[in-house]
Amino acid sequence: MSKHDVEIRRYLVWRKKVRGKPISIRFYEIIYVGLTMLWSKMKKPPLKTAIYKFIERKEYEEDLMSGQLFRKLIKEIKENPNEDETGYYLPDSREELTHEDIKQIEKEKDSVIKELSTNNLVERYKKVFKLCKLYQSWALKKKSQQAEDITRHESFEIYPYLPIILVSIPVIIGLCINPKNVTICWRRNPRL
């Protein structure tokens, strides 16, 4: 195992403890973490290089296209049933998932596997980039919310950025809801 810098170790601790992950985000996070770890092992090359290396590896087919990593996540969740057997307990984040949540996770797993299962490298690149970007948007919004929580100030885990940046980071200011869809409202981050 390669030694990762403080920024990545800090992120890995945060991601385990963060609460309120939507089901799809749990799968996108697996992809984001895999890409982040490879990027770090490669000595942080340009992101385009890391993504191409990520999608060309044999592990992409073995772990992602086959669904092995997603099944591992589901297995780990199922290994921790609640005492009353109404669902499952996630010890790191202290959250509970219901049996209905597990059914939804299974459906989402199949959807993500289908999306990632292509032999066309350009399509693979686009899918990985899209899913990581969705995860990044969610994670940055969550970090922003946590930074505003006065009880979490001075916490080592509260760091406003993620290890890899897929696009220039917008500052998310909320959700814009209109009758037809929900979108993320943002403005460009002035620090970049």
N, C-alpha and C. Protein backbone atom coordinates (compact mmCIF):
# COMPACT_ATOMS: atom_id res chain seq x y z
N MET A 1 0.85 -1.18 0.00
CA MET A 1 0.00 0.00 0.00
C MET A 1 0.89 1.23 0.00
N SER A 2 0.61 2.15 -0.88
CA SER A 2 1.44 3.34 -0.95
C SER A 2 1.03 4.33 0.13
N LYS A 3 1.95 5.18 0.49
CA LYS A 3 1.70 6.18 1.51
C LYS A 3 1.03 7.39 0.85
N HIS A 4 -0.13 7.73 1.34
CA HIS A 4 -0.88 8.86 0.79
C HIS A 4 -0.69 10.07 1.69
N ASP A 5 -0.76 11.25 1.11
CA ASP A 5 -0.53 12.46 1.89
C ASP A 5 -1.70 12.75 2.83
N VAL A 6 -1.51 13.72 3.69
CA VAL A 6 -2.48 14.07 4.72
C VAL A 6 -3.84 14.41 4.12
N GLU A 7 -3.85 15.12 3.01
CA GLU A 7 -5.08 15.52 2.37
C GLU A 7 -5.95 14.30 2.02
N ILE A 8 -5.34 13.27 1.50
CA ILE A 8 -6.08 12.06 1.11
C ILE A 8 -6.50 11.27 2.34
N ARG A 9 -5.61 11.15 3.30
CA ARG A 9 -5.98 10.43 4.53
C ARG A 9 -7.12 11.14 5.25
N ARG A 10 -7.09 12.46 5.28
CA ARG A 10 -8.15 13.26 5.89
C ARG A 10 -9.48 13.00 5.17
N TYR A 11 -9.43 12.97 3.85
CA TYR A 11 -10.64 12.70 3.08
C TYR A 11 -11.18 11.29 3.37
N LEU A 12 -10.30 10.30 3.44
CA LEU A 12 -10.74 8.92 3.68
C LEU A 12 -11.44 8.78 5.03
N VAL A 13 -10.94 9.48 6.04
CA VAL A 13 -11.59 9.46 7.36
C VAL A 13 -12.96 10.13 7.26
N TRP A 14 -13.01 11.28 6.60
CA TRP A 14 -14.27 12.03 6.47
C TRP A 14 -15.33 11.20 5.76
N ARG A 15 -14.98 10.56 4.65
CA ARG A 15 -15.98 9.85 3.85
C ARG A 15 -16.61 8.69 4.60
N LYS A 16 -15.87 8.09 5.53
CA LYS A 16 -16.45 6.98 6.31
C LYS A 16 -17.47 7.49 7.33
N LYS A 17 -17.20 8.67 7.89
CA LYS A 17 -18.05 9.18 8.97
C LYS A 17 -19.23 10.02 8.49
N VAL A 18 -19.16 10.53 7.28
CA VAL A 18 -20.21 11.46 6.83
C VAL A 18 -21.55 10.73 6.75
N ARG A 19 -22.59 11.45 7.17
CA ARG A 19 -23.94 10.88 7.21
C ARG A 19 -24.78 11.43 6.06
N GLY A 20 -25.84 10.70 5.78
CA GLY A 20 -26.83 11.19 4.82
C GLY A 20 -26.48 10.98 3.36
N LYS A 21 -25.72 9.94 3.07
CA LYS A 21 -25.38 9.68 1.67
C LYS A 21 -26.58 9.08 0.94
N PRO A 22 -27.00 9.69 -0.15
CA PRO A 22 -28.02 9.03 -0.98
C PRO A 22 -27.45 7.72 -1.52
N ILE A 23 -28.34 6.82 -1.85
CA ILE A 23 -27.92 5.48 -2.27
C ILE A 23 -26.97 5.53 -3.47
N SER A 24 -27.29 6.31 -4.48
CA SER A 24 -26.43 6.37 -5.66
C SER A 24 -25.04 6.91 -5.31
N ILE A 25 -24.97 7.85 -4.39
CA ILE A 25 -23.69 8.44 -4.00
C ILE A 25 -22.78 7.38 -3.39
N ARG A 26 -23.32 6.41 -2.71
CA ARG A 26 -22.49 5.34 -2.11
C ARG A 26 -21.71 4.59 -3.21
N PHE A 27 -22.33 4.40 -4.37
CA PHE A 27 -21.64 3.73 -5.47
C PHE A 27 -20.66 4.66 -6.18
N TYR A 28 -21.07 5.90 -6.39
CA TYR A 28 -20.19 6.86 -7.06
C TYR A 28 -18.93 7.08 -6.23
N GLU A 29 -19.09 7.00 -4.91
CA GLU A 29 -17.95 7.18 -4.01
C GLU A 29 -16.91 6.09 -4.21
N ILE A 30 -17.34 4.89 -4.46
CA ILE A 30 -16.41 3.77 -4.71
C ILE A 30 -15.53 4.11 -5.92
N ILE A 31 -16.14 4.64 -6.95
CA ILE A 31 -15.40 5.00 -8.17
C ILE A 31 -14.45 6.15 -7.87
N TYR A 32 -14.94 7.17 -7.19
CA TYR A 32 -14.13 8.35 -6.85
C TYR A 32 -12.92 7.95 -5.99
N VAL A 33 -13.15 7.11 -5.00
CA VAL A 33 -12.05 6.67 -4.13
C VAL A 33 -11.01 5.88 -4.93
N GLY A 34 -11.48 4.99 -5.79
CA GLY A 34 -10.55 4.22 -6.62
C GLY A 34 -9.69 5.12 -7.50
N LEU A 35 -10.33 6.11 -8.11
CA LEU A 35 -9.60 7.06 -8.95
C LEU A 35 -8.62 7.89 -8.11
N THR A 36 -9.06 8.33 -6.93
CA THR A 36 -8.20 9.12 -6.06
C THR A 36 -6.97 8.34 -5.63
N MET A 37 -7.16 7.08 -5.25
CA MET A 37 -6.03 6.26 -4.80
C MET A 37 -5.03 6.02 -5.95
N LEU A 38 -5.55 5.74 -7.14
CA LEU A 38 -4.66 5.56 -8.29
C LEU A 38 -3.91 6.84 -8.60
N TRP A 39 -4.61 7.97 -8.61
CA TRP A 39 -4.01 9.28 -8.87
C TRP A 39 -2.88 9.55 -7.88
N SER A 40 -3.11 9.22 -6.62
CA SER A 40 -2.08 9.42 -5.60
C SER A 40 -0.87 8.50 -5.84
N LYS A 41 -1.14 7.23 -6.14
CA LYS A 41 -0.06 6.28 -6.40
C LYS A 41 0.77 6.68 -7.61
N MET A 42 0.12 7.34 -8.58
CA MET A 42 0.81 7.78 -9.80
C MET A 42 1.55 9.11 -9.59
N LYS A 43 1.60 9.57 -8.34
CA LYS A 43 2.28 10.84 -8.00
C LYS A 43 1.54 12.04 -8.54
N LYS A 44 0.21 11.98 -8.55
CA LYS A 44 -0.68 13.08 -8.90
C LYS A 44 -0.44 13.68 -10.29
N PRO A 45 -0.58 12.86 -11.31
CA PRO A 45 -0.44 13.37 -12.69
C PRO A 45 -1.67 14.20 -13.06
N PRO A 46 -1.71 14.78 -14.26
CA PRO A 46 -2.95 15.44 -14.69
C PRO A 46 -4.11 14.45 -14.59
N LEU A 47 -5.25 14.94 -14.21
CA LEU A 47 -6.40 14.08 -13.97
C LEU A 47 -6.79 13.25 -15.19
N LYS A 48 -6.67 13.83 -16.37
CA LYS A 48 -6.99 13.11 -17.62
C LYS A 48 -6.16 11.83 -17.72
N THR A 49 -4.88 11.93 -17.39
CA THR A 49 -3.98 10.77 -17.42
C THR A 49 -4.44 9.71 -16.42
N ALA A 50 -4.79 10.14 -15.21
CA ALA A 50 -5.22 9.20 -14.17
C ALA A 50 -6.52 8.50 -14.56
N ILE A 51 -7.45 9.23 -15.15
CA ILE A 51 -8.72 8.61 -15.54
C ILE A 51 -8.48 7.59 -16.64
N TYR A 52 -7.67 7.91 -17.64
CA TYR A 52 -7.39 6.93 -18.70
C TYR A 52 -6.71 5.69 -18.14
N LYS A 53 -5.78 5.87 -17.24
CA LYS A 53 -5.11 4.72 -16.61
C LYS A 53 -6.14 3.91 -15.81
N PHE A 54 -7.03 4.60 -15.11
CA PHE A 54 -8.06 3.96 -14.29
C PHE A 54 -8.98 3.08 -15.14
N ILE A 55 -9.42 3.58 -16.28
CA ILE A 55 -10.38 2.83 -17.11
C ILE A 55 -9.72 1.74 -17.95
N GLU A 56 -8.40 1.83 -18.15
CA GLU A 56 -7.70 0.82 -18.94
C GLU A 56 -7.23 -0.37 -18.11
N ARG A 57 -7.22 -0.22 -16.81
CA ARG A 57 -6.70 -1.29 -15.95
C ARG A 57 -7.60 -2.52 -15.96
N LYS A 58 -6.98 -3.65 -15.73
CA LYS A 58 -7.72 -4.91 -15.62
C LYS A 58 -8.70 -4.85 -14.44
N GLU A 59 -8.32 -4.13 -13.39
CA GLU A 59 -9.16 -4.00 -12.21
C GLU A 59 -10.49 -3.31 -12.52
N TYR A 60 -10.52 -2.46 -13.54
CA TYR A 60 -11.77 -1.78 -13.90
C TYR A 60 -12.82 -2.83 -14.26
N GLU A 61 -12.42 -3.78 -15.10
CA GLU A 61 -13.36 -4.83 -15.50
C GLU A 61 -13.66 -5.76 -14.34
N GLU A 62 -12.62 -6.15 -13.59
CA GLU A 62 -12.80 -7.10 -12.49
C GLU A 62 -13.63 -6.53 -11.35
N ASP A 63 -13.41 -5.27 -11.01
CA ASP A 63 -14.03 -4.68 -9.83
C ASP A 63 -15.30 -3.89 -10.13
N LEU A 64 -15.30 -3.12 -11.21
CA LEU A 64 -16.43 -2.24 -11.50
C LEU A 64 -17.42 -2.85 -12.48
N MET A 65 -16.94 -3.28 -13.65
CA MET A 65 -17.86 -3.82 -14.66
C MET A 65 -18.54 -5.10 -14.15
N SER A 66 -17.83 -5.88 -13.36
CA SER A 66 -18.41 -7.11 -12.81
C SER A 66 -19.32 -6.82 -11.61
N GLY A 67 -19.15 -5.65 -11.01
CA GLY A 67 -19.94 -5.28 -9.84
C GLY A 67 -19.36 -5.78 -8.53
N GLN A 68 -18.16 -6.34 -8.57
CA GLN A 68 -17.56 -6.94 -7.38
C GLN A 68 -17.47 -5.95 -6.21
N LEU A 69 -16.99 -4.74 -6.45
CA LEU A 69 -16.87 -3.76 -5.38
C LEU A 69 -18.24 -3.32 -4.84
N PHE A 70 -19.21 -3.25 -5.71
CA PHE A 70 -20.55 -2.85 -5.28
C PHE A 70 -21.19 -3.96 -4.43
N ARG A 71 -20.99 -5.22 -4.85
CA ARG A 71 -21.49 -6.34 -4.05
C ARG A 71 -20.80 -6.40 -2.70
N LYS A 72 -19.51 -6.06 -2.67
CA LYS A 72 -18.76 -6.04 -1.40
C LYS A 72 -19.37 -5.01 -0.45
N LEU A 73 -19.73 -3.84 -0.96
CA LEU A 73 -20.36 -2.81 -0.13
C LEU A 73 -21.68 -3.33 0.45
N ILE A 74 -22.48 -3.94 -0.39
CA ILE A 74 -23.78 -4.47 0.06
C ILE A 74 -23.58 -5.57 1.10
N LYS A 75 -22.59 -6.43 0.87
CA LYS A 75 -22.30 -7.51 1.83
C LYS A 75 -21.88 -6.93 3.17
N GLU A 76 -21.03 -5.89 3.16
CA GLU A 76 -20.59 -5.26 4.41
C GLU A 76 -21.77 -4.65 5.16
N ILE A 77 -22.70 -4.06 4.43
CA ILE A 77 -23.88 -3.48 5.07
C ILE A 77 -24.72 -4.59 5.70
N LYS A 78 -24.93 -5.68 4.96
CA LYS A 78 -25.77 -6.77 5.45
C LYS A 78 -25.15 -7.53 6.63
N GLU A 79 -23.86 -7.38 6.82
CA GLU A 79 -23.19 -8.05 7.95
C GLU A 79 -23.47 -7.36 9.28
N ASN A 80 -24.17 -6.24 9.25
CA ASN A 80 -24.46 -5.49 10.47
C ASN A 80 -25.96 -5.26 10.64
N PRO A 81 -26.74 -6.32 10.87
CA PRO A 81 -28.18 -6.11 11.05
C PRO A 81 -28.46 -5.39 12.38
N ASN A 82 -29.56 -4.63 12.41
CA ASN A 82 -30.01 -4.00 13.66
C ASN A 82 -30.38 -5.10 14.64
N GLU A 83 -30.38 -4.76 15.92
CA GLU A 83 -30.77 -5.73 16.94
C GLU A 83 -32.21 -6.19 16.74
N ASP A 84 -33.09 -5.28 16.31
CA ASP A 84 -34.49 -5.63 16.10
C ASP A 84 -34.77 -6.18 14.70
N GLU A 85 -33.72 -6.31 13.90
CA GLU A 85 -33.76 -6.88 12.55
C GLU A 85 -34.68 -6.11 11.60
N THR A 86 -34.86 -4.81 11.83
CA THR A 86 -35.67 -3.99 10.93
C THR A 86 -34.83 -3.39 9.82
N GLY A 87 -33.54 -3.60 9.86
CA GLY A 87 -32.65 -3.04 8.85
C GLY A 87 -31.20 -3.31 9.22
N TYR A 88 -30.34 -2.38 8.84
CA TYR A 88 -28.91 -2.57 9.03
C TYR A 88 -28.28 -1.31 9.62
N TYR A 89 -27.23 -1.50 10.40
CA TYR A 89 -26.56 -0.40 11.08
C TYR A 89 -25.19 -0.18 10.46
N LEU A 90 -24.87 1.09 10.16
CA LEU A 90 -23.56 1.44 9.62
C LEU A 90 -22.74 2.05 10.76
N PRO A 91 -21.80 1.28 11.32
CA PRO A 91 -21.10 1.75 12.51
C PRO A 91 -20.26 3.02 12.31
N ASP A 92 -19.65 3.19 11.16
CA ASP A 92 -18.79 4.36 10.95
C ASP A 92 -19.59 5.67 10.99
N SER A 93 -20.72 5.69 10.31
CA SER A 93 -21.51 6.92 10.24
C SER A 93 -22.67 6.91 11.24
N ARG A 94 -22.85 5.79 11.95
CA ARG A 94 -23.93 5.64 12.93
C ARG A 94 -25.30 5.86 12.28
N GLU A 95 -25.47 5.32 11.09
CA GLU A 95 -26.74 5.43 10.36
C GLU A 95 -27.39 4.07 10.27
N GLU A 96 -28.68 4.08 10.03
CA GLU A 96 -29.42 2.85 9.82
C GLU A 96 -30.02 2.84 8.42
N LEU A 97 -29.97 1.68 7.79
CA LEU A 97 -30.61 1.48 6.49
C LEU A 97 -31.69 0.43 6.66
N THR A 98 -32.82 0.64 6.00
CA THR A 98 -33.93 -0.30 6.09
C THR A 98 -33.76 -1.39 5.03
N HIS A 99 -34.63 -2.39 5.10
CA HIS A 99 -34.62 -3.44 4.08
C HIS A 99 -35.01 -2.84 2.72
N GLU A 100 -35.88 -1.84 2.73
CA GLU A 100 -36.25 -1.15 1.48
C GLU A 100 -35.03 -0.43 0.89
N ASP A 101 -34.20 0.16 1.76
CA ASP A 101 -32.97 0.81 1.30
C ASP A 101 -32.07 -0.20 0.60
N ILE A 102 -31.99 -1.39 1.14
CA ILE A 102 -31.15 -2.44 0.54
C ILE A 102 -31.71 -2.84 -0.83
N LYS A 103 -33.01 -2.94 -0.95
CA LYS A 103 -33.61 -3.24 -2.25
C LYS A 103 -33.26 -2.15 -3.27
N GLN A 104 -33.33 -0.90 -2.81
CA GLN A 104 -32.99 0.22 -3.69
C GLN A 104 -31.50 0.19 -4.06
N ILE A 105 -30.66 -0.18 -3.10
CA ILE A 105 -29.22 -0.29 -3.37
C ILE A 105 -28.96 -1.35 -4.44
N GLU A 106 -29.67 -2.48 -4.36
CA GLU A 106 -29.51 -3.54 -5.36
C GLU A 106 -29.90 -3.04 -6.76
N LYS A 107 -31.01 -2.29 -6.85
CA LYS A 107 -31.43 -1.74 -8.15
C LYS A 107 -30.40 -0.74 -8.67
N GLU A 108 -29.94 0.12 -7.78
CA GLU A 108 -28.96 1.14 -8.17
C GLU A 108 -27.65 0.48 -8.61
N LYS A 109 -27.27 -0.59 -7.92
CA LYS A 109 -26.05 -1.32 -8.28
C LYS A 109 -26.13 -1.79 -9.73
N ASP A 110 -27.26 -2.40 -10.08
CA ASP A 110 -27.43 -2.89 -11.45
C ASP A 110 -27.37 -1.75 -12.45
N SER A 111 -27.95 -0.63 -12.12
CA SER A 111 -27.94 0.54 -13.00
C SER A 111 -26.53 1.08 -13.22
N VAL A 112 -25.76 1.17 -12.14
CA VAL A 112 -24.39 1.69 -12.24
C VAL A 112 -23.51 0.72 -13.03
N ILE A 113 -23.66 -0.57 -12.78
CA ILE A 113 -22.87 -1.58 -13.52
C ILE A 113 -23.18 -1.46 -15.02
N LYS A 114 -24.45 -1.33 -15.35
CA LYS A 114 -24.83 -1.21 -16.76
C LYS A 114 -24.19 0.03 -17.38
N GLU A 115 -24.18 1.12 -16.63
CA GLU A 115 -23.61 2.37 -17.12
C GLU A 115 -22.10 2.26 -17.35
N LEU A 116 -21.42 1.53 -16.47
CA LEU A 116 -19.96 1.41 -16.56
C LEU A 116 -19.50 0.33 -17.54
N SER A 117 -20.38 -0.58 -17.90
CA SER A 117 -20.01 -1.74 -18.71
C SER A 117 -20.00 -1.43 -20.20
N THR A 118 -18.92 -0.87 -20.64
CA THR A 118 -18.72 -0.62 -22.07
C THR A 118 -17.26 -0.89 -22.39
N ASN A 119 -17.00 -1.38 -23.56
CA ASN A 119 -15.61 -1.61 -23.99
C ASN A 119 -15.04 -0.39 -24.71
N ASN A 120 -15.88 0.58 -25.00
CA ASN A 120 -15.44 1.80 -25.65
C ASN A 120 -14.78 2.71 -24.61
N LEU A 121 -13.47 2.95 -24.76
CA LEU A 121 -12.73 3.72 -23.76
C LEU A 121 -13.21 5.17 -23.64
N VAL A 122 -13.66 5.75 -24.73
CA VAL A 122 -14.16 7.12 -24.67
C VAL A 122 -15.44 7.16 -23.82
N GLU A 123 -16.30 6.18 -24.03
CA GLU A 123 -17.53 6.10 -23.23
C GLU A 123 -17.21 5.82 -21.76
N ARG A 124 -16.26 4.93 -21.51
CA ARG A 124 -15.85 4.66 -20.13
C ARG A 124 -15.37 5.94 -19.45
N TYR A 125 -14.53 6.67 -20.16
CA TYR A 125 -13.99 7.92 -19.62
C TYR A 125 -15.13 8.87 -19.25
N LYS A 126 -16.07 9.03 -20.17
CA LYS A 126 -17.20 9.94 -19.94
C LYS A 126 -18.03 9.50 -18.73
N LYS A 127 -18.28 8.20 -18.62
CA LYS A 127 -19.10 7.69 -17.51
C LYS A 127 -18.39 7.88 -16.18
N VAL A 128 -17.12 7.52 -16.12
CA VAL A 128 -16.37 7.67 -14.87
C VAL A 128 -16.30 9.15 -14.48
N PHE A 129 -16.00 10.00 -15.45
CA PHE A 129 -15.92 11.43 -15.17
C PHE A 129 -17.26 11.95 -14.64
N LYS A 130 -18.36 11.55 -15.30
CA LYS A 130 -19.69 12.02 -14.90
C LYS A 130 -20.04 11.57 -13.49
N LEU A 131 -19.80 10.29 -13.18
CA LEU A 131 -20.16 9.78 -11.86
C LEU A 131 -19.28 10.40 -10.76
N CYS A 132 -18.02 10.60 -11.06
CA CYS A 132 -17.13 11.26 -10.09
C CYS A 132 -17.53 12.72 -9.89
N LYS A 133 -17.96 13.36 -10.97
CA LYS A 133 -18.39 14.75 -10.87
C LYS A 133 -19.66 14.85 -10.01
N LEU A 134 -20.58 13.91 -10.17
CA LEU A 134 -21.78 13.90 -9.34
C LEU A 134 -21.41 13.69 -7.87
N TYR A 135 -20.48 12.77 -7.63
CA TYR A 135 -20.04 12.54 -6.26
C TYR A 135 -19.37 13.80 -5.70
N GLN A 136 -18.50 14.41 -6.49
CA GLN A 136 -17.80 15.61 -6.05
C GLN A 136 -18.80 16.72 -5.67
N SER A 137 -19.81 16.92 -6.49
CA SER A 137 -20.81 17.95 -6.20
C SER A 137 -21.50 17.67 -4.86
N TRP A 138 -21.89 16.42 -4.65
CA TRP A 138 -22.55 16.05 -3.40
C TRP A 138 -21.60 16.26 -2.22
N ALA A 139 -20.37 15.78 -2.34
CA ALA A 139 -19.41 15.85 -1.23
C ALA A 139 -19.06 17.30 -0.88
N LEU A 140 -18.89 18.14 -1.89
CA LEU A 140 -18.56 19.53 -1.60
C LEU A 140 -19.74 20.25 -0.93
N LYS A 141 -20.94 19.91 -1.34
CA LYS A 141 -22.12 20.50 -0.68
C LYS A 141 -22.17 20.04 0.77
N LYS A 142 -21.91 18.78 1.01
CA LYS A 142 -21.93 18.23 2.37
C LYS A 142 -20.85 18.89 3.22
N LYS A 143 -19.65 19.05 2.66
CA LYS A 143 -18.56 19.70 3.38
C LYS A 143 -18.91 21.15 3.70
N SER A 144 -19.57 21.81 2.77
CA SER A 144 -19.99 23.19 2.99
C SER A 144 -20.99 23.27 4.15
N GLN A 145 -21.92 22.34 4.19
CA GLN A 145 -22.90 22.30 5.29
C GLN A 145 -22.19 22.05 6.62
N GLN A 146 -21.24 21.14 6.62
CA GLN A 146 -20.52 20.82 7.85
C GLN A 146 -19.68 22.00 8.32
N ALA A 147 -19.11 22.74 7.38
CA ALA A 147 -18.28 23.89 7.75
C ALA A 147 -19.11 24.96 8.46
N GLU A 148 -20.40 25.02 8.14
CA GLU A 148 -21.28 25.98 8.78
C GLU A 148 -21.74 25.53 10.15
N ASP A 149 -21.55 24.26 10.48
CA ASP A 149 -21.98 23.70 11.76
C ASP A 149 -20.97 24.09 12.83
N ILE A 150 -21.37 24.95 13.74
CA ILE A 150 -20.46 25.47 14.76
C ILE A 150 -19.91 24.36 15.67
N THR A 151 -20.65 23.27 15.84
CA THR A 151 -20.19 22.19 16.70
C THR A 151 -19.05 21.40 16.08
N ARG A 152 -18.83 21.58 14.79
CA ARG A 152 -17.79 20.82 14.10
C ARG A 152 -16.54 21.65 13.85
N HIS A 153 -16.53 22.92 14.22
CA HIS A 153 -15.35 23.74 14.03
C HIS A 153 -14.20 23.17 14.84
N GLU A 154 -13.01 23.35 14.37
CA GLU A 154 -11.78 22.83 14.98
C GLU A 154 -11.64 21.33 14.77
N SER A 155 -12.51 20.73 14.00
CA SER A 155 -12.40 19.30 13.70
C SER A 155 -11.39 19.11 12.58
N PHE A 156 -10.51 18.17 12.76
CA PHE A 156 -9.48 17.88 11.77
C PHE A 156 -10.10 17.43 10.45
N GLU A 157 -11.27 16.80 10.53
CA GLU A 157 -11.90 16.26 9.33
C GLU A 157 -12.56 17.32 8.45
N ILE A 158 -12.88 18.47 9.02
CA ILE A 158 -13.56 19.50 8.25
C ILE A 158 -12.53 20.28 7.45
N TYR A 159 -12.41 19.88 6.23
CA TYR A 159 -11.49 20.49 5.28
C TYR A 159 -12.33 20.73 4.04
N PRO A 160 -12.36 21.96 3.52
CA PRO A 160 -13.35 22.29 2.50
C PRO A 160 -13.16 21.67 1.11
N TYR A 161 -12.07 20.97 0.87
CA TYR A 161 -11.81 20.48 -0.48
C TYR A 161 -11.69 18.97 -0.50
N LEU A 162 -11.73 18.43 -1.70
CA LEU A 162 -11.52 17.01 -1.93
C LEU A 162 -10.13 16.83 -2.55
N PRO A 163 -9.58 15.62 -2.48
CA PRO A 163 -8.22 15.43 -3.01
C PRO A 163 -8.07 15.73 -4.50
N ILE A 164 -9.02 15.28 -5.33
CA ILE A 164 -8.93 15.58 -6.76
C ILE A 164 -10.06 16.50 -7.16
N ILE A 165 -9.77 17.38 -8.06
CA ILE A 165 -10.74 18.35 -8.54
C ILE A 165 -11.03 18.03 -10.01
N LEU A 166 -12.27 17.69 -10.29
CA LEU A 166 -12.64 17.30 -11.65
C LEU A 166 -12.88 18.50 -12.56
N VAL A 167 -13.39 19.54 -12.02
CA VAL A 167 -13.66 20.77 -12.76
C VAL A 167 -13.37 21.91 -11.81
N SER A 168 -13.32 23.13 -12.34
CA SER A 168 -13.14 24.23 -11.40
C SER A 168 -14.34 24.19 -10.47
N ILE A 169 -14.06 24.24 -9.22
CA ILE A 169 -15.09 23.98 -8.22
C ILE A 169 -16.02 25.16 -8.08
N PRO A 170 -17.31 24.92 -8.31
CA PRO A 170 -18.28 25.98 -8.03
C PRO A 170 -18.61 25.97 -6.54
N VAL A 171 -19.07 27.05 -6.04
CA VAL A 171 -19.58 27.09 -4.69
C VAL A 171 -21.07 26.82 -4.80
N ILE A 172 -21.50 25.75 -4.20
CA ILE A 172 -22.91 25.37 -4.29
C ILE A 172 -23.69 26.20 -3.28
N ILE A 173 -24.72 26.87 -3.77
CA ILE A 173 -25.49 27.72 -2.87
C ILE A 173 -26.89 27.18 -2.63
N GLY A 174 -27.21 26.03 -3.15
CA GLY A 174 -28.50 25.42 -2.87
C GLY A 174 -29.07 24.70 -4.06
N LEU A 175 -30.27 24.20 -3.89
CA LEU A 175 -30.97 23.51 -4.95
C LEU A 175 -32.03 24.45 -5.52
N CYS A 176 -32.11 24.51 -6.83
CA CYS A 176 -33.14 25.30 -7.50
C CYS A 176 -34.21 24.32 -7.95
N ILE A 177 -35.40 24.54 -7.51
CA ILE A 177 -36.48 23.61 -7.82
C ILE A 177 -37.50 24.32 -8.70
N ASN A 178 -37.78 23.71 -9.84
CA ASN A 178 -38.88 24.19 -10.66
C ASN A 178 -39.78 22.98 -10.92
N PRO A 179 -40.95 23.16 -11.47
CA PRO A 179 -41.89 22.04 -11.60
C PRO A 179 -41.35 20.84 -12.38
N LYS A 180 -40.38 21.04 -13.25
CA LYS A 180 -39.93 19.93 -14.09
C LYS A 180 -38.68 19.23 -13.59
N ASN A 181 -37.83 19.91 -12.82
CA ASN A 181 -36.62 19.25 -12.35
C ASN A 181 -35.99 19.97 -11.18
N VAL A 182 -34.98 19.33 -10.60
CA VAL A 182 -34.19 19.90 -9.52
C VAL A 182 -32.77 20.07 -10.04
N THR A 183 -32.20 21.23 -9.87
CA THR A 183 -30.83 21.46 -10.31
C THR A 183 -30.03 22.06 -9.17
N ILE A 184 -28.73 22.00 -9.28
CA ILE A 184 -27.85 22.60 -8.28
C ILE A 184 -27.54 24.02 -8.73
N CYS A 185 -27.78 24.96 -7.83
CA CYS A 185 -27.45 26.36 -8.11
C CYS A 185 -26.03 26.61 -7.59
N TRP A 186 -25.24 27.30 -8.35
CA TRP A 186 -23.86 27.52 -7.93
C TRP A 186 -23.33 28.82 -8.49
N ARG A 187 -22.19 29.21 -7.95
CA ARG A 187 -21.42 30.32 -8.50
C ARG A 187 -19.96 29.90 -8.46
N ARG A 188 -19.16 30.44 -9.34
CA ARG A 188 -17.77 30.05 -9.44
C ARG A 188 -17.03 30.40 -8.16
N ASN A 189 -16.15 29.52 -7.71
CA ASN A 189 -15.37 29.72 -6.49
C ASN A 189 -14.31 30.81 -6.76
N PRO A 190 -14.35 31.92 -6.04
CA PRO A 190 -13.41 33.01 -6.31
C PRO A 190 -11.97 32.68 -5.93
N ARG A 191 -11.77 31.62 -5.14
CA ARG A 191 -10.41 31.26 -4.74
C ARG A 191 -9.62 30.51 -5.80
N LEU A 192 -10.28 30.08 -6.86
CA LEU A 192 -9.58 29.30 -7.88
C LEU A 192 -9.19 30.16 -9.06
